[in-house]
Amino acid sequence: MSLTAILHVDDDPNDVLLLQHACRKAELPCGLFSVGDGDEAIAYLEGKGEFSNRERFQLPDLILLDLKMPRTNGFEVLNWVRKEEKLSYLPVVVLSSSNHGADVKRAYEMGANSFLVKPVAFDALVEIVTSVYKYWLVLNVST
């Protein structure tokens, strides 16, 4: 059986690195897969191109999604995921630097399961990834 998989979609390499370190520090028993924009996220989820090997790039059990990205943004990815029958059940947690009310409202209206603001402090990020993992991948009952 493979590890639980989390797909992290974020165009900021520093945020990607920080999340990887936070997951390691939290000692989460999961595979973290990172892609740099919405187009890559959709390719990953479809299993196309470089992501066609499902043994290496398994379907995620959770998506951590940034909103503000070039090309295909997080809202467009969220919209695409919710329209895909085989993926529509996937928990999508928005992890964004935006705390604008309009972004929060729009994300929930489009089907986000949760909206979290990226913290400034590293220890706070460790707490967030631990809480997200425990809630969505341990306690939450899914299909």
Protein backbone atom coordinates (compact mmCIF):
# COMPACT_ATOMS: atom_id res chain seq x y z
CA MET A 1 0.00 0.00 0.00
CA SER A 2 1.33 3.41 -0.90
CA LEU A 3 1.62 6.34 1.44
CA THR A 4 -1.03 8.99 1.63
CA ALA A 5 -0.34 11.55 -1.09
CA ILE A 6 -0.66 15.32 -0.96
CA LEU A 7 -0.47 17.44 -4.10
CA HIS A 8 0.91 20.91 -3.35
CA VAL A 9 0.23 23.47 -6.08
CA ASP A 10 2.26 26.66 -5.67
CA ASP A 11 4.36 28.77 -8.02
CA ASP A 12 6.66 30.19 -5.31
CA PRO A 13 9.73 27.94 -4.94
CA ASN A 14 10.36 29.33 -1.44
CA ASP A 15 6.86 28.38 -0.30
CA VAL A 16 7.30 24.92 -1.82
CA LEU A 17 10.58 24.45 0.04
CA LEU A 18 9.10 25.72 3.32
CA LEU A 19 6.16 23.33 3.04
CA GLN A 20 8.50 20.42 2.32
CA HIS A 21 10.56 21.30 5.42
CA ALA A 22 7.41 21.74 7.53
CA CYS A 23 6.13 18.29 6.51
CA ARG A 24 9.49 16.74 7.36
CA LYS A 25 9.63 18.51 10.73
CA ALA A 26 6.06 17.38 11.48
CA GLU A 27 7.11 13.84 10.51
CA LEU A 28 4.00 13.34 8.42
CA PRO A 29 3.73 9.82 6.96
CA CYS A 30 2.83 10.97 3.47
CA GLY A 31 4.21 11.62 0.04
CA LEU A 32 4.29 15.30 -0.89
CA PHE A 33 4.19 16.06 -4.60
CA SER A 34 4.70 19.66 -5.70
CA VAL A 35 3.86 21.33 -8.99
CA GLY A 36 4.53 24.94 -9.93
CA ASP A 37 1.30 26.06 -11.57
CA GLY A 38 -2.26 25.16 -12.42
CA ASP A 39 -1.42 23.64 -15.80
CA GLU A 40 1.01 21.22 -14.13
CA ALA A 41 -1.59 20.44 -11.46
CA ILE A 42 -4.16 19.47 -14.08
CA ALA A 43 -1.58 17.41 -16.00
CA TYR A 44 -0.64 15.66 -12.74
CA LEU A 45 -4.28 14.93 -11.88
CA GLU A 46 -4.98 13.66 -15.41
CA GLY A 47 -1.84 11.51 -15.34
CA LYS A 48 -0.53 13.07 -18.55
CA GLY A 49 2.97 13.68 -19.83
CA GLU A 50 5.68 13.44 -17.20
CA PHE A 51 3.01 12.46 -14.63
CA SER A 52 1.74 9.38 -16.49
CA ASN A 53 3.46 6.89 -14.16
CA ARG A 54 0.85 6.44 -11.40
CA GLU A 55 3.22 4.33 -9.33
CA ARG A 56 5.51 7.36 -9.11
CA PHE A 57 2.84 10.10 -9.24
CA GLN A 58 -0.12 8.61 -7.43
CA LEU A 59 -3.47 10.36 -7.32
CA PRO A 60 -3.50 12.60 -4.25
CA ASP A 61 -5.68 12.14 -1.20
CA LEU A 62 -5.57 15.90 -0.61
CA ILE A 63 -4.74 19.02 -2.62
CA LEU A 64 -3.07 22.07 -1.08
CA LEU A 65 -3.78 24.85 -3.54
CA ASP A 66 -2.38 28.36 -3.90
CA LEU A 67 -4.68 30.80 -5.68
CA LYS A 68 -2.42 33.41 -7.26
CA MET A 69 -0.39 31.68 -9.95
CA PRO A 70 0.52 32.46 -13.56
CA ARG A 71 -1.17 30.70 -16.46
CA THR A 72 -3.92 28.60 -14.88
CA ASN A 73 -4.62 30.02 -11.42
CA GLY A 74 -5.89 28.24 -8.32
CA PHE A 75 -9.53 29.19 -8.89
CA GLU A 76 -9.38 27.62 -12.35
CA VAL A 77 -7.79 24.45 -10.94
CA LEU A 78 -10.46 24.26 -8.25
CA ASN A 79 -13.20 24.70 -10.85
CA TRP A 80 -11.64 21.98 -13.04
CA VAL A 81 -11.28 19.53 -10.11
CA ARG A 82 -14.89 19.97 -9.02
CA LYS A 83 -16.13 19.24 -12.56
CA GLU A 84 -14.10 16.01 -12.88
CA GLU A 85 -16.29 13.17 -11.68
CA LYS A 86 -13.41 10.95 -10.56
CA LEU A 87 -11.78 13.82 -8.60
CA SER A 88 -14.74 15.85 -7.38
CA TYR A 89 -14.62 14.21 -3.94
CA LEU A 90 -10.98 15.15 -3.29
CA PRO A 91 -10.48 17.52 -0.38
CA VAL A 92 -9.02 20.80 -1.61
CA VAL A 93 -7.48 23.06 1.00
CA VAL A 94 -6.63 26.53 -0.25
CA LEU A 95 -3.31 27.67 1.22
CA SER A 96 -2.90 31.25 0.10
CA SER A 97 -1.22 34.48 1.14
CA SER A 98 -4.50 36.23 0.36
CA ASN A 99 -6.93 36.87 3.16
CA HIS A 100 -9.21 39.03 1.04
CA GLY A 101 -12.84 38.31 1.81
CA ALA A 102 -13.71 38.10 -1.89
CA ASP A 103 -11.06 35.39 -2.46
CA VAL A 104 -12.23 33.40 0.56
CA LYS A 105 -15.89 33.63 -0.51
CA ARG A 106 -15.14 32.72 -4.11
CA ALA A 107 -13.00 29.73 -3.10
CA TYR A 108 -15.76 28.32 -0.90
CA GLU A 109 -18.40 28.99 -3.55
CA MET A 110 -16.28 27.03 -6.02
CA GLY A 111 -16.00 24.03 -3.69
CA ALA A 112 -12.91 24.53 -1.54
CA ASN A 113 -13.12 22.43 1.61
CA SER A 114 -11.01 24.81 3.67
CA PHE A 115 -9.21 28.15 3.29
CA LEU A 116 -6.01 28.81 5.22
CA VAL A 117 -3.73 31.84 5.08
CA LYS A 118 -0.02 31.06 4.74
CA PRO A 119 1.63 31.95 8.02
CA VAL A 120 4.78 34.03 8.27
CA ALA A 121 6.41 31.93 11.00
CA PHE A 122 7.80 28.48 10.16
CA ASP A 123 6.51 26.90 13.39
CA ALA A 124 3.01 28.09 12.53
CA LEU A 125 3.34 26.37 9.14
CA VAL A 126 4.36 23.14 10.89
CA GLU A 127 1.22 23.43 13.06
CA ILE A 128 -0.94 24.04 9.99
CA VAL A 129 0.37 21.04 8.02
CA THR A 130 0.03 18.84 11.10
CA SER A 131 -3.56 19.97 11.67
CA VAL A 132 -4.50 19.65 8.00
CA TYR A 133 -3.00 16.16 7.81
CA LYS A 134 -4.70 14.99 11.00
CA TYR A 135 -8.10 16.40 10.10
CA TRP A 136 -8.36 15.65 6.38
CA LEU A 137 -6.32 12.45 6.15
CA VAL A 138 -6.78 10.79 9.54
CA LEU A 139 -10.02 11.92 11.20
CA ASN A 140 -12.17 12.85 8.20
CA VAL A 141 -14.27 10.05 6.74
CA SER A 142 -14.00 10.06 2.95
CA THR A 143 -15.24 8.00 0.05
